[in-house]
Amino acid sequence: MRPGLRAAGGERGGATICLLGVGLLFVVAGLFGAGVGAARVARQQALVAADLGALAGAARVLQDAPVACARAAELVAANAARLVWCRIDGLDVLVTTEVMVSPLPGMTRTARATSPAGPLRG
């Protein structure tokens, strides 16, 4: 087309810019959703590891505190988490775990969970 002439209807490519903007909005929303999803999965993974570690420690609490915490650490590690803290209080075991998550490249966060286990008291 020669300079100074317009296409039929007077369009100059404005729809292309709008379409690119909408596409960029979808990409940003998708990245945000993926980040939130990864954080929620890491939180659940930390909770499961803490629950299972506390139950494993409670099963060995009568042997000795180091034995109970060592067993808890084994199960926490088997669930791809890290044991942060293990406390024995009588027959109760309290386990805190954490899971590292990278929802987006270059952004690392920690999900932490604590779980108790012990005999039922009425």
PDB file of N, CA and C in Angstrom:
ATOM      1  N   MET A   1       0.840  -1.157   0.000  1.00  0.00           N
ATOM      2  CA  MET A   1       0.000   0.000   0.000  1.00  0.00           C
ATOM      3  C   MET A   1       0.896   1.234   0.000  1.00  0.00           C
ATOM      4  N   ARG A   2       0.510   2.242  -0.749  1.00  0.00           N
ATOM      5  CA  ARG A   2       1.292   3.470  -0.843  1.00  0.00           C
ATOM      6  C   ARG A   2       1.073   4.335   0.391  1.00  0.00           C
ATOM      7  N   PRO A   3       2.101   5.140   0.759  1.00  0.00           N
ATOM      8  CA  PRO A   3       1.929   6.035   1.892  1.00  0.00           C
ATOM      9  C   PRO A   3       0.770   6.981   1.656  1.00  0.00           C
ATOM     10  N   GLY A   4       0.053   7.252   2.717  1.00  0.00           N
ATOM     11  CA  GLY A   4      -1.064   8.166   2.632  1.00  0.00           C
ATOM     12  C   GLY A   4      -2.377   7.473   2.331  1.00  0.00           C
ATOM     13  N   LEU A   5      -2.337   6.207   1.909  1.00  0.00           N
ATOM     14  CA  LEU A   5      -3.572   5.469   1.648  1.00  0.00           C
ATOM     15  C   LEU A   5      -3.898   4.592   2.851  1.00  0.00           C
ATOM     16  N   ARG A   6      -5.140   4.521   3.189  1.00  0.00           N
ATOM     17  CA  ARG A   6      -5.581   3.689   4.310  1.00  0.00           C
ATOM     18  C   ARG A   6      -6.275   2.447   3.785  1.00  0.00           C
ATOM     19  N   ALA A   7      -6.224   1.407   4.617  1.00  0.00           N
ATOM     20  CA  ALA A   7      -6.954   0.193   4.267  1.00  0.00           C
ATOM     21  C   ALA A   7      -8.443   0.467   4.397  1.00  0.00           C
ATOM     22  N   ALA A   8      -9.218  -0.400   3.848  1.00  0.00           N
ATOM     23  CA  ALA A   8     -10.672  -0.231   3.907  1.00  0.00           C
ATOM     24  C   ALA A   8     -11.128  -0.169   5.354  1.00  0.00           C
ATOM     25  N   GLY A   9     -11.954   0.787   5.695  1.00  0.00           N
ATOM     26  CA  GLY A   9     -12.463   0.919   7.053  1.00  0.00           C
ATOM     27  C   GLY A   9     -11.573   1.756   7.935  1.00  0.00           C
ATOM     28  N   GLY A  10     -10.436   2.192   7.504  1.00  0.00           N
ATOM     29  CA  GLY A  10      -9.561   3.048   8.288  1.00  0.00           C
ATOM     30  C   GLY A  10      -8.807   2.345   9.402  1.00  0.00           C
ATOM     31  N   GLU A  11      -8.620   1.033   9.352  1.00  0.00           N
ATOM     32  CA  GLU A  11      -7.906   0.309  10.404  1.00  0.00           C
ATOM     33  C   GLU A  11      -6.405   0.477  10.227  1.00  0.00           C
ATOM     34  N   ARG A  12      -5.703   0.561  11.360  1.00  0.00           N
ATOM     35  CA  ARG A  12      -4.244   0.716  11.308  1.00  0.00           C
ATOM     36  C   ARG A  12      -3.521  -0.287  12.203  1.00  0.00           C
ATOM     37  N   GLY A  13      -4.091  -1.417  12.515  1.00  0.00           N
ATOM     38  CA  GLY A  13      -3.413  -2.449  13.306  1.00  0.00           C
ATOM     39  C   GLY A  13      -3.616  -2.331  14.798  1.00  0.00           C
ATOM     40  N   GLY A  14      -4.622  -1.608  15.244  1.00  0.00           N
ATOM     41  CA  GLY A  14      -4.878  -1.461  16.680  1.00  0.00           C
ATOM     42  C   GLY A  14      -5.311  -2.761  17.341  1.00  0.00           C
ATOM     43  N   ALA A  15      -5.954  -3.634  16.590  1.00  0.00           N
ATOM     44  CA  ALA A  15      -6.403  -4.915  17.152  1.00  0.00           C
ATOM     45  C   ALA A  15      -5.214  -5.805  17.501  1.00  0.00           C
ATOM     46  N   THR A  16      -4.140  -5.697  16.747  1.00  0.00           N
ATOM     47  CA  THR A  16      -2.945  -6.492  17.027  1.00  0.00           C
ATOM     48  C   THR A  16      -2.366  -6.130  18.388  1.00  0.00           C
ATOM     49  N   ILE A  17      -2.295  -4.858  18.689  1.00  0.00           N
ATOM     50  CA  ILE A  17      -1.769  -4.410  19.978  1.00  0.00           C
ATOM     51  C   ILE A  17      -2.683  -4.873  21.114  1.00  0.00           C
ATOM     52  N   CYS A  18      -3.985  -4.768  20.900  1.00  0.00           N
ATOM     53  CA  CYS A  18      -4.937  -5.230  21.926  1.00  0.00           C
ATOM     54  C   CYS A  18      -4.796  -6.731  22.158  1.00  0.00           C
ATOM     55  N   LEU A  19      -4.655  -7.484  21.086  1.00  0.00           N
ATOM     56  CA  LEU A  19      -4.497  -8.929  21.204  1.00  0.00           C
ATOM     57  C   LEU A  19      -3.209  -9.282  21.942  1.00  0.00           C
ATOM     58  N   LEU A  20      -2.125  -8.584  21.672  1.00  0.00           N
ATOM     59  CA  LEU A  20      -0.870  -8.811  22.395  1.00  0.00           C
ATOM     60  C   LEU A  20      -1.032  -8.488  23.877  1.00  0.00           C
ATOM     61  N   GLY A  21      -1.743  -7.421  24.186  1.00  0.00           N
ATOM     62  CA  GLY A  21      -1.982  -7.062  25.590  1.00  0.00           C
ATOM     63  C   GLY A  21      -2.786  -8.120  26.320  1.00  0.00           C
ATOM     64  N   VAL A  22      -3.822  -8.637  25.680  1.00  0.00           N
ATOM     65  CA  VAL A  22      -4.639  -9.696  26.288  1.00  0.00           C
ATOM     66  C   VAL A  22      -3.806 -10.965  26.466  1.00  0.00           C
ATOM     67  N   GLY A  23      -2.989 -11.292  25.473  1.00  0.00           N
ATOM     68  CA  GLY A  23      -2.117 -12.464  25.591  1.00  0.00           C
ATOM     69  C   GLY A  23      -1.135 -12.329  26.738  1.00  0.00           C
ATOM     70  N   LEU A  24      -0.557 -11.143  26.892  1.00  0.00           N
ATOM     71  CA  LEU A  24       0.366 -10.901  27.996  1.00  0.00           C
ATOM     72  C   LEU A  24      -0.349 -11.019  29.338  1.00  0.00           C
ATOM     73  N   LEU A  25      -1.572 -10.545  29.400  1.00  0.00           N
ATOM     74  CA  LEU A  25      -2.367 -10.666  30.622  1.00  0.00           C
ATOM     75  C   LEU A  25      -2.596 -12.131  30.984  1.00  0.00           C
ATOM     76  N   PHE A  26      -2.891 -12.962  29.989  1.00  0.00           N
ATOM     77  CA  PHE A  26      -3.075 -14.392  30.236  1.00  0.00           C
ATOM     78  C   PHE A  26      -1.782 -15.046  30.724  1.00  0.00           C
ATOM     79  N   VAL A  27      -0.656 -14.661  30.164  1.00  0.00           N
ATOM     80  CA  VAL A  27       0.631 -15.225  30.593  1.00  0.00           C
ATOM     81  C   VAL A  27       0.920 -14.861  32.047  1.00  0.00           C
ATOM     82  N   VAL A  28       0.723 -13.599  32.411  1.00  0.00           N
ATOM     83  CA  VAL A  28       0.973 -13.158  33.789  1.00  0.00           C
ATOM     84  C   VAL A  28       0.026 -13.862  34.754  1.00  0.00           C
ATOM     85  N   ALA A  29      -1.249 -13.974  34.386  1.00  0.00           N
ATOM     86  CA  ALA A  29      -2.215 -14.664  35.243  1.00  0.00           C
ATOM     87  C   ALA A  29      -1.856 -16.139  35.390  1.00  0.00           C
ATOM     88  N   GLY A  30      -1.389 -16.758  34.322  1.00  0.00           N
ATOM     89  CA  GLY A  30      -0.969 -18.159  34.388  1.00  0.00           C
ATOM     90  C   GLY A  30       0.232 -18.361  35.289  1.00  0.00           C
ATOM     91  N   LEU A  31       1.209 -17.466  35.205  1.00  0.00           N
ATOM     92  CA  LEU A  31       2.380 -17.558  36.080  1.00  0.00           C
ATOM     93  C   LEU A  31       1.993 -17.365  37.541  1.00  0.00           C
ATOM     94  N   PHE A  32       1.099 -16.428  37.796  1.00  0.00           N
ATOM     95  CA  PHE A  32       0.633 -16.204  39.164  1.00  0.00           C
ATOM     96  C   PHE A  32      -0.093 -17.441  39.689  1.00  0.00           C
ATOM     97  N   GLY A  33      -0.961 -18.009  38.871  1.00  0.00           N
ATOM     98  CA  GLY A  33      -1.682 -19.218  39.274  1.00  0.00           C
ATOM     99  C   GLY A  33      -0.747 -20.390  39.529  1.00  0.00           C
ATOM    100  N   ALA A  34       0.271 -20.536  38.695  1.00  0.00           N
ATOM    101  CA  ALA A  34       1.242 -21.613  38.888  1.00  0.00           C
ATOM    102  C   ALA A  34       2.025 -21.415  40.178  1.00  0.00           C
ATOM    103  N   GLY A  35       2.375 -20.174  40.487  1.00  0.00           N
ATOM    104  CA  GLY A  35       3.091 -19.888  41.732  1.00  0.00           C
ATOM    105  C   GLY A  35       2.258 -20.198  42.957  1.00  0.00           C
ATOM    106  N   VAL A  36       0.997 -19.804  42.924  1.00  0.00           N
ATOM    107  CA  VAL A  36       0.098 -20.096  44.048  1.00  0.00           C
ATOM    108  C   VAL A  36      -0.106 -21.599  44.184  1.00  0.00           C
ATOM    109  N   GLY A  37      -0.269 -22.287  43.068  1.00  0.00           N
ATOM    110  CA  GLY A  37      -0.436 -23.738  43.108  1.00  0.00           C
ATOM    111  C   GLY A  37       0.782 -24.447  43.669  1.00  0.00           C
ATOM    112  N   ALA A  38       1.967 -24.020  43.270  1.00  0.00           N
ATOM    113  CA  ALA A  38       3.199 -24.631  43.782  1.00  0.00           C
ATOM    114  C   ALA A  38       3.342 -24.400  45.280  1.00  0.00           C
ATOM    115  N   ALA A  39       2.972 -23.220  45.753  1.00  0.00           N
ATOM    116  CA  ALA A  39       3.050 -22.934  47.188  1.00  0.00           C
ATOM    117  C   ALA A  39       2.067 -23.797  47.974  1.00  0.00           C
ATOM    118  N   ARG A  40       0.872 -24.004  47.432  1.00  0.00           N
ATOM    119  CA  ARG A  40      -0.116 -24.836  48.126  1.00  0.00           C
ATOM    120  C   ARG A  40       0.326 -26.295  48.169  1.00  0.00           C
ATOM    121  N   VAL A  41       0.912 -26.776  47.096  1.00  0.00           N
ATOM    122  CA  VAL A  41       1.414 -28.154  47.069  1.00  0.00           C
ATOM    123  C   VAL A  41       2.538 -28.322  48.086  1.00  0.00           C
ATOM    124  N   ALA A  42       3.441 -27.354  48.167  1.00  0.00           N
ATOM    125  CA  ALA A  42       4.542 -27.428  49.134  1.00  0.00           C
ATOM    126  C   ALA A  42       4.011 -27.412  50.562  1.00  0.00           C
ATOM    127  N   ARG A  43       2.995 -26.616  50.826  1.00  0.00           N
ATOM    128  CA  ARG A  43       2.393 -26.566  52.166  1.00  0.00           C
ATOM    129  C   ARG A  43       1.795 -27.925  52.528  1.00  0.00           C
ATOM    130  N   GLN A  44       1.089 -28.543  51.596  1.00  0.00           N
ATOM    131  CA  GLN A  44       0.512 -29.862  51.857  1.00  0.00           C
ATOM    132  C   GLN A  44       1.604 -30.913  52.048  1.00  0.00           C
ATOM    133  N   GLN A  45       2.671 -30.810  51.285  1.00  0.00           N
ATOM    134  CA  GLN A  45       3.785 -31.750  51.424  1.00  0.00           C
ATOM    135  C   GLN A  45       4.425 -31.609  52.802  1.00  0.00           C
ATOM    136  N   ALA A  46       4.588 -30.381  53.277  1.00  0.00           N
ATOM    137  CA  ALA A  46       5.145 -30.156  54.610  1.00  0.00           C
ATOM    138  C   ALA A  46       4.207 -30.689  55.685  1.00  0.00           C
ATOM    139  N   LEU A  47       2.899 -30.510  55.514  1.00  0.00           N
ATOM    140  CA  LEU A  47       1.928 -31.023  56.486  1.00  0.00           C
ATOM    141  C   LEU A  47       1.946 -32.545  56.558  1.00  0.00           C
ATOM    142  N   VAL A  48       1.980 -33.193  55.399  1.00  0.00           N
ATOM    143  CA  VAL A  48       2.012 -34.656  55.373  1.00  0.00           C
ATOM    144  C   VAL A  48       3.290 -35.173  56.020  1.00  0.00           C
ATOM    145  N   ALA A  49       4.416 -34.567  55.702  1.00  0.00           N
ATOM    146  CA  ALA A  49       5.690 -34.995  56.288  1.00  0.00           C
ATOM    147  C   ALA A  49       5.680 -34.802  57.801  1.00  0.00           C
ATOM    148  N   ALA A  50       5.123 -33.694  58.278  1.00  0.00           N
ATOM    149  CA  ALA A  50       5.053 -33.449  59.721  1.00  0.00           C
ATOM    150  C   ALA A  50       4.131 -34.453  60.401  1.00  0.00           C
ATOM    151  N   ASP A  51       2.981 -34.727  59.795  1.00  0.00           N
ATOM    152  CA  ASP A  51       2.048 -35.701  60.373  1.00  0.00           C
ATOM    153  C   ASP A  51       2.675 -37.086  60.479  1.00  0.00           C
ATOM    154  N   LEU A  52       3.258 -37.551  59.382  1.00  0.00           N
ATOM    155  CA  LEU A  52       3.854 -38.889  59.391  1.00  0.00           C
ATOM    156  C   LEU A  52       5.079 -38.962  60.294  1.00  0.00           C
ATOM    157  N   GLY A  53       5.869 -37.909  60.331  1.00  0.00           N
ATOM    158  CA  GLY A  53       7.026 -37.885  61.225  1.00  0.00           C
ATOM    159  C   GLY A  53       6.610 -37.920  62.683  1.00  0.00           C
ATOM    160  N   ALA A  54       5.572 -37.166  63.031  1.00  0.00           N
ATOM    161  CA  ALA A  54       5.090 -37.160  64.416  1.00  0.00           C
ATOM    162  C   ALA A  54       4.530 -38.523  64.801  1.00  0.00           C
ATOM    163  N   LEU A  55       3.787 -39.152  63.904  1.00  0.00           N
ATOM    164  CA  LEU A  55       3.253 -40.485  64.198  1.00  0.00           C
ATOM    165  C   LEU A  55       4.373 -41.516  64.351  1.00  0.00           C
ATOM    166  N   ALA A  56       5.380 -41.441  63.497  1.00  0.00           N
ATOM    167  CA  ALA A  56       6.507 -42.374  63.598  1.00  0.00           C
ATOM    168  C   ALA A  56       7.280 -42.153  64.889  1.00  0.00           C
ATOM    169  N   GLY A  57       7.459 -40.898  65.269  1.00  0.00           N
ATOM    170  CA  GLY A  57       8.138 -40.608  66.528  1.00  0.00           C
ATOM    171  C   GLY A  57       7.333 -41.078  67.727  1.00  0.00           C
ATOM    172  N   ALA A  58       6.020 -40.902  67.673  1.00  0.00           N
ATOM    173  CA  ALA A  58       5.162 -41.329  68.781  1.00  0.00           C
ATOM    174  C   ALA A  58       5.175 -42.847  68.937  1.00  0.00           C
ATOM    175  N   ALA A  59       5.353 -43.565  67.839  1.00  0.00           N
ATOM    176  CA  ALA A  59       5.417 -45.024  67.915  1.00  0.00           C
ATOM    177  C   ALA A  59       6.681 -45.498  68.622  1.00  0.00           C
ATOM    178  N   ARG A  60       7.722 -44.682  68.630  1.00  0.00           N
ATOM    179  CA  ARG A  60       8.991 -45.060  69.270  1.00  0.00           C
ATOM    180  C   ARG A  60       9.296 -44.245  70.523  1.00  0.00           C
ATOM    181  N   VAL A  61       8.342 -43.479  71.017  1.00  0.00           N
ATOM    182  CA  VAL A  61       8.620 -42.567  72.124  1.00  0.00           C
ATOM    183  C   VAL A  61       8.969 -43.310  73.413  1.00  0.00           C
ATOM    184  N   LEU A  62       8.506 -44.532  73.585  1.00  0.00           N
ATOM    185  CA  LEU A  62       8.816 -45.281  74.807  1.00  0.00           C
ATOM    186  C   LEU A  62      10.249 -45.802  74.815  1.00  0.00           C
ATOM    187  N   GLN A  63      10.884 -45.897  73.654  1.00  0.00           N
ATOM    188  CA  GLN A  63      12.263 -46.373  73.603  1.00  0.00           C
ATOM    189  C   GLN A  63      13.210 -45.312  74.148  1.00  0.00           C
ATOM    190  N   ASP A  64      13.187 -44.132  73.555  1.00  0.00           N
ATOM    191  CA  ASP A  64      14.050 -43.041  73.995  1.00  0.00           C
ATOM    192  C   ASP A  64      13.777 -41.835  73.099  1.00  0.00           C
ATOM    193  N   ALA A  65      14.017 -40.641  73.611  1.00  0.00           N
ATOM    194  CA  ALA A  65      13.754 -39.422  72.834  1.00  0.00           C
ATOM    195  C   ALA A  65      14.603 -39.353  71.563  1.00  0.00           C
ATOM    196  N   PRO A  66      15.919 -39.621  71.627  1.00  0.00           N
ATOM    197  CA  PRO A  66      16.703 -39.568  70.384  1.00  0.00           C
ATOM    198  C   PRO A  66      16.253 -40.602  69.346  1.00  0.00           C
ATOM    199  N   VAL A  67      15.825 -41.774  69.813  1.00  0.00           N
ATOM    200  CA  VAL A  67      15.345 -42.806  68.888  1.00  0.00           C
ATOM    201  C   VAL A  67      14.057 -42.344  68.212  1.00  0.00           C
ATOM    202  N   ALA A  68      13.158 -41.752  68.994  1.00  0.00           N
ATOM    203  CA  ALA A  68      11.884 -41.272  68.446  1.00  0.00           C
ATOM    204  C   ALA A  68      12.114 -40.163  67.422  1.00  0.00           C
ATOM    205  N   CYS A  69      12.975 -39.231  67.741  1.00  0.00           N
ATOM    206  CA  CYS A  69      13.246 -38.132  66.805  1.00  0.00           C
ATOM    207  C   CYS A  69      14.013 -38.610  65.574  1.00  0.00           C
ATOM    208  N   ALA A  70      14.870 -39.606  65.743  1.00  0.00           N
ATOM    209  CA  ALA A  70      15.587 -40.159  64.590  1.00  0.00           C
ATOM    210  C   ALA A  70      14.614 -40.842  63.632  1.00  0.00           C
ATOM    211  N   ARG A  71      13.655 -41.575  64.186  1.00  0.00           N
ATOM    212  CA  ARG A  71      12.646 -42.224  63.335  1.00  0.00           C
ATOM    213  C   ARG A  71      11.769 -41.178  62.642  1.00  0.00           C
ATOM    214  N   ALA A  72      11.426 -40.131  63.369  1.00  0.00           N
ATOM    215  CA  ALA A  72      10.645 -39.043  62.770  1.00  0.00           C
ATOM    216  C   ALA A  72      11.424 -38.402  61.625  1.00  0.00           C
ATOM    217  N   ALA A  73      12.724 -38.192  61.825  1.00  0.00           N
ATOM    218  CA  ALA A  73      13.562 -37.584  60.783  1.00  0.00           C
ATOM    219  C   ALA A  73      13.632 -38.470  59.543  1.00  0.00           C
ATOM    220  N   GLU A  74      13.664 -39.794  59.735  1.00  0.00           N
ATOM    221  CA  GLU A  74      13.690 -40.714  58.596  1.00  0.00           C
ATOM    222  C   GLU A  74      12.436 -40.565  57.740  1.00  0.00           C
ATOM    223  N   LEU A  75      11.276 -40.543  58.390  1.00  0.00           N
ATOM    224  CA  LEU A  75      10.036 -40.431  57.631  1.00  0.00           C
ATOM    225  C   LEU A  75       9.861 -39.058  57.005  1.00  0.00           C
ATOM    226  N   VAL A  76      10.315 -38.034  57.687  1.00  0.00           N
ATOM    227  CA  VAL A  76      10.241 -36.686  57.116  1.00  0.00           C
ATOM    228  C   VAL A  76      11.104 -36.612  55.859  1.00  0.00           C
ATOM    229  N   ALA A  77      12.313 -37.157  55.920  1.00  0.00           N
ATOM    230  CA  ALA A  77      13.203 -37.148  54.753  1.00  0.00           C
ATOM    231  C   ALA A  77      12.634 -37.998  53.619  1.00  0.00           C
ATOM    232  N   ALA A  78      11.973 -39.105  53.957  1.00  0.00           N
ATOM    233  CA  ALA A  78      11.366 -39.955  52.933  1.00  0.00           C
ATOM    234  C   ALA A  78      10.233 -39.237  52.204  1.00  0.00           C
ATOM    235  N   ASN A  79       9.685 -38.208  52.823  1.00  0.00           N
ATOM    236  CA  ASN A  79       8.617 -37.419  52.210  1.00  0.00           C
ATOM    237  C   ASN A  79       9.143 -36.114  51.615  1.00  0.00           C
ATOM    238  N   ALA A  80      10.425 -36.070  51.326  1.00  0.00           N
ATOM    239  CA  ALA A  80      11.065 -34.930  50.652  1.00  0.00           C
ATOM    240  C   ALA A  80      10.907 -33.623  51.422  1.00  0.00           C
ATOM    241  N   ALA A  81      11.050 -33.705  52.733  1.00  0.00           N
ATOM    242  CA  ALA A  81      10.991 -32.511  53.578  1.00  0.00           C
ATOM    243  C   ALA A  81      12.209 -32.524  54.494  1.00  0.00           C
ATOM    244  N   ARG A  82      12.366 -31.455  55.251  1.00  0.00           N
ATOM    245  CA  ARG A  82      13.487 -31.345  56.182  1.00  0.00           C
ATOM    246  C   ARG A  82      12.930 -31.180  57.589  1.00  0.00           C
ATOM    247  N   LEU A  83      13.484 -31.958  58.533  1.00  0.00           N
ATOM    248  CA  LEU A  83      13.069 -31.852  59.932  1.00  0.00           C
ATOM    249  C   LEU A  83      13.714 -30.609  60.529  1.00  0.00           C
ATOM    250  N   VAL A  84      12.883 -29.692  61.000  1.00  0.00           N
ATOM    251  CA  VAL A  84      13.371 -28.462  61.607  1.00  0.00           C
ATOM    252  C   VAL A  84      13.481 -28.629  63.111  1.00  0.00           C
ATOM    253  N   TRP A  85      12.482 -29.318  63.689  1.00  0.00           N
ATOM    254  CA  TRP A  85      12.416 -29.388  65.137  1.00  0.00           C
ATOM    255  C   TRP A  85      11.655 -30.635  65.539  1.00  0.00           C
ATOM    256  N   CYS A  86      12.126 -31.311  66.576  1.00  0.00           N
ATOM    257  CA  CYS A  86      11.449 -32.475  67.140  1.00  0.00           C
ATOM    258  C   CYS A  86      11.523 -32.353  68.656  1.00  0.00           C
ATOM    259  N   ARG A  87      10.361 -32.365  69.294  1.00  0.00           N
ATOM    260  CA  ARG A  87      10.311 -32.204  70.745  1.00  0.00           C
ATOM    261  C   ARG A  87       9.474 -33.322  71.342  1.00  0.00           C
ATOM    262  N   ILE A  88       9.992 -33.918  72.401  1.00  0.00           N
ATOM    263  CA  ILE A  88       9.280 -34.958  73.136  1.00  0.00           C
ATOM    264  C   ILE A  88       8.832 -34.363  74.465  1.00  0.00           C
ATOM    265  N   ASP A  89       7.542 -34.485  74.742  1.00  0.00           N
ATOM    266  CA  ASP A  89       6.978 -33.994  76.000  1.00  0.00           C
ATOM    267  C   ASP A  89       6.137 -35.115  76.591  1.00  0.00           C
ATOM    268  N   GLY A  90       6.763 -35.909  77.453  1.00  0.00           N
ATOM    269  CA  GLY A  90       6.073 -37.080  77.994  1.00  0.00           C
ATOM    270  C   GLY A  90       5.897 -38.112  76.894  1.00  0.00           C
ATOM    271  N   LEU A  91       4.643 -38.410  76.557  1.00  0.00           N
ATOM    272  CA  LEU A  91       4.358 -39.341  75.469  1.00  0.00           C
ATOM    273  C   LEU A  91       3.978 -38.624  74.177  1.00  0.00           C
ATOM    274  N   ASP A  92       4.028 -37.315  74.198  1.00  0.00           N
ATOM    275  CA  ASP A  92       3.672 -36.521  73.018  1.00  0.00           C
ATOM    276  C   ASP A  92       4.922 -36.169  72.214  1.00  0.00           C
ATOM    277  N   VAL A  93       4.763 -36.158  70.915  1.00  0.00           N
ATOM    278  CA  VAL A  93       5.842 -35.781  70.002  1.00  0.00           C
ATOM    279  C   VAL A  93       5.343 -34.605  69.168  1.00  0.00           C
ATOM    280  N   LEU A  94       6.164 -33.583  69.065  1.00  0.00           N
ATOM    281  CA  LEU A  94       5.842 -32.412  68.247  1.00  0.00           C
ATOM    282  C   LEU A  94       6.932 -32.269  67.186  1.00  0.00           C
ATOM    283  N   VAL A  95       6.534 -32.314  65.925  1.00  0.00           N
ATOM    284  CA  VAL A  95       7.480 -32.293  64.808  1.00  0.00           C
ATOM    285  C   VAL A  95       7.183 -31.086  63.917  1.00  0.00           C
ATOM    286  N   THR A  96       8.235 -30.353  63.565  1.00  0.00           N
ATOM    287  CA  THR A  96       8.122 -29.235  62.625  1.00  0.00           C
ATOM    288  C   THR A  96       8.986 -29.544  61.408  1.00  0.00           C
ATOM    289  N   THR A  97       8.392 -29.392  60.227  1.00  0.00           N
ATOM    290  CA  THR A  97       9.097 -29.673  58.978  1.00  0.00           C
ATOM    291  C   THR A  97       9.030 -28.462  58.057  1.00  0.00           C
ATOM    292  N   GLU A  98       9.896 -28.476  57.050  1.00  0.00           N
ATOM    293  CA  GLU A  98       9.821 -27.442  56.027  1.00  0.00           C
ATOM    294  C   GLU A  98      10.164 -28.024  54.664  1.00  0.00           C
ATOM    295  N   VAL A  99       9.561 -27.428  53.657  1.00  0.00           N
ATOM    296  CA  VAL A  99       9.773 -27.819  52.266  1.00  0.00           C
ATOM    297  C   VAL A  99      10.116 -26.558  51.486  1.00  0.00           C
ATOM    298  N   MET A 100      11.183 -26.609  50.717  1.00  0.00           N
ATOM    299  CA  MET A 100      11.573 -25.482  49.872  1.00  0.00           C
ATOM    300  C   MET A 100      10.838 -25.597  48.536  1.00  0.00           C
ATOM    301  N   VAL A 101      10.344 -24.471  48.054  1.00  0.00           N
ATOM    302  CA  VAL A 101       9.623 -24.452  46.783  1.00  0.00           C
ATOM    303  C   VAL A 101      10.086 -23.241  45.974  1.00  0.00           C
ATOM    304  N   SER A 102      10.205 -23.447  44.667  1.00  0.00           N
ATOM    305  CA  SER A 102      10.550 -22.354  43.747  1.00  0.00           C
ATOM    306  C   SER A 102       9.390 -22.170  42.779  1.00  0.00           C
ATOM    307  N   PRO A 103       8.402 -21.358  43.147  1.00  0.00           N
ATOM    308  CA  PRO A 103       7.239 -21.193  42.272  1.00  0.00           C
ATOM    309  C   PRO A 103       7.585 -20.543  40.936  1.00  0.00           C
ATOM    310  N   LEU A 104       8.566 -19.666  40.944  1.00  0.00           N
ATOM    311  CA  LEU A 104       9.038 -19.026  39.719  1.00  0.00           C
ATOM    312  C   LEU A 104      10.559 -19.050  39.734  1.00  0.00           C
ATOM    313  N   PRO A 105      11.203 -19.067  38.588  1.00  0.00           N
ATOM    314  CA  PRO A 105      12.667 -19.075  38.567  1.00  0.00           C
ATOM    315  C   PRO A 105      13.244 -17.886  39.336  1.00  0.00           C
ATOM    316  N   GLY A 106      14.185 -18.189  40.215  1.00  0.00           N
ATOM    317  CA  GLY A 106      14.836 -17.147  41.001  1.00  0.00           C
ATOM    318  C   GLY A 106      14.083 -16.745  42.252  1.00  0.00           C
ATOM    319  N   MET A 107      12.959 -17.390  42.531  1.00  0.00           N
ATOM    320  CA  MET A 107      12.168 -17.051  43.713  1.00  0.00           C
ATOM    321  C   MET A 107      11.955 -18.328  44.525  1.00  0.00           C
ATOM    322  N   THR A 108      12.618 -18.426  45.674  1.00  0.00           N
ATOM    323  CA  THR A 108      12.507 -19.608  46.521  1.00  0.00           C
ATOM    324  C   THR A 108      11.789 -19.241  47.807  1.00  0.00           C
ATOM    325  N   ARG A 109      10.830 -20.059  48.175  1.00  0.00           N
ATOM    326  CA  ARG A 109      10.062 -19.856  49.400  1.00  0.00           C
ATOM    327  C   ARG A 109      10.098 -21.130  50.224  1.00  0.00           C
ATOM    328  N   THR A 110       9.764 -21.004  51.513  1.00  0.00           N
ATOM    329  CA  THR A 110       9.748 -22.136  52.423  1.00  0.00           C
ATOM    330  C   THR A 110       8.340 -22.335  52.964  1.00  0.00           C
ATOM    331  N   ALA A 111       7.866 -23.570  52.887  1.00  0.00           N
ATOM    332  CA  ALA A 111       6.585 -23.934  53.490  1.00  0.00           C
ATOM    333  C   ALA A 111       6.895 -24.716  54.757  1.00  0.00           C
ATOM    334  N   ARG A 112       6.321 -24.303  55.877  1.00  0.00           N
ATOM    335  CA  ARG A 112       6.613 -24.918  57.166  1.00  0.00           C
ATOM    336  C   ARG A 112       5.322 -25.420  57.798  1.00  0.00           C
ATOM    337  N   ALA A 113       5.412 -26.574  58.481  1.00  0.00           N
ATOM    338  CA  ALA A 113       4.239 -27.147  59.141  1.00  0.00           C
ATOM    339  C   ALA A 113       4.666 -27.834  60.428  1.00  0.00           C
ATOM    340  N   THR A 114       3.780 -27.809  61.417  1.00  0.00           N
ATOM    341  CA  THR A 114       4.017 -28.459  62.705  1.00  0.00           C
ATOM    342  C   THR A 114       2.866 -29.408  62.987  1.00  0.00           C
ATOM    343  N   SER A 115       3.206 -30.583  63.519  1.00  0.00           N
ATOM    344  CA  SER A 115       2.179 -31.575  63.808  1.00  0.00           C
ATOM    345  C   SER A 115       2.482 -32.282  65.126  1.00  0.00           C
ATOM    346  N   PRO A 116       1.472 -32.458  65.978  1.00  0.00           N
ATOM    347  CA  PRO A 116       1.644 -33.210  67.218  1.00  0.00           C
ATOM    348  C   PRO A 116       1.125 -34.639  67.050  1.00  0.00           C
ATOM    349  N   ALA A 117       1.637 -35.536  67.874  1.00  0.00           N
ATOM    350  CA  ALA A 117       1.121 -36.905  67.940  1.00  0.00           C
ATOM    351  C   ALA A 117       1.355 -37.424  69.346  1.00  0.00           C
ATOM    352  N   GLY A 118       0.450 -38.232  69.793  1.00  0.00           N
ATOM    353  CA  GLY A 118       0.557 -38.806  71.125  1.00  0.00           C
ATOM    354  C   GLY A 118      -0.717 -39.544  71.471  1.00  0.00           C
ATOM    355  N   PRO A 119      -0.779 -40.075  72.682  1.00  0.00           N
ATOM    356  CA  PRO A 119      -1.967 -40.835  73.077  1.00  0.00           C
ATOM    357  C   PRO A 119      -3.189 -39.926  73.236  1.00  0.00           C
ATOM    358  N   LEU A 120      -4.349 -40.516  73.017  1.00  0.00           N
ATOM    359  CA  LEU A 120      -5.611 -39.796  73.162  1.00  0.00           C
ATOM    360  C   LEU A 120      -5.907 -39.609  74.643  1.00  0.00           C
ATOM    361  N   ARG A 121      -6.273 -38.399  74.988  1.00  0.00           N
ATOM    362  CA  ARG A 121      -6.606 -38.109  76.384  1.00  0.00           C
ATOM    363  C   ARG A 121      -8.068 -37.694  76.438  1.00  0.00           C
ATOM    364  N   GLY A 122      -8.771 -38.164  77.449  1.00  0.00           N
ATOM    365  CA  GLY A 122     -10.200 -37.855  77.538  1.00  0.00           C
ATOM    366  C   GLY A 122     -10.558 -37.024  78.643  1.00  0.00           C
TER     367      GLY A 122
END
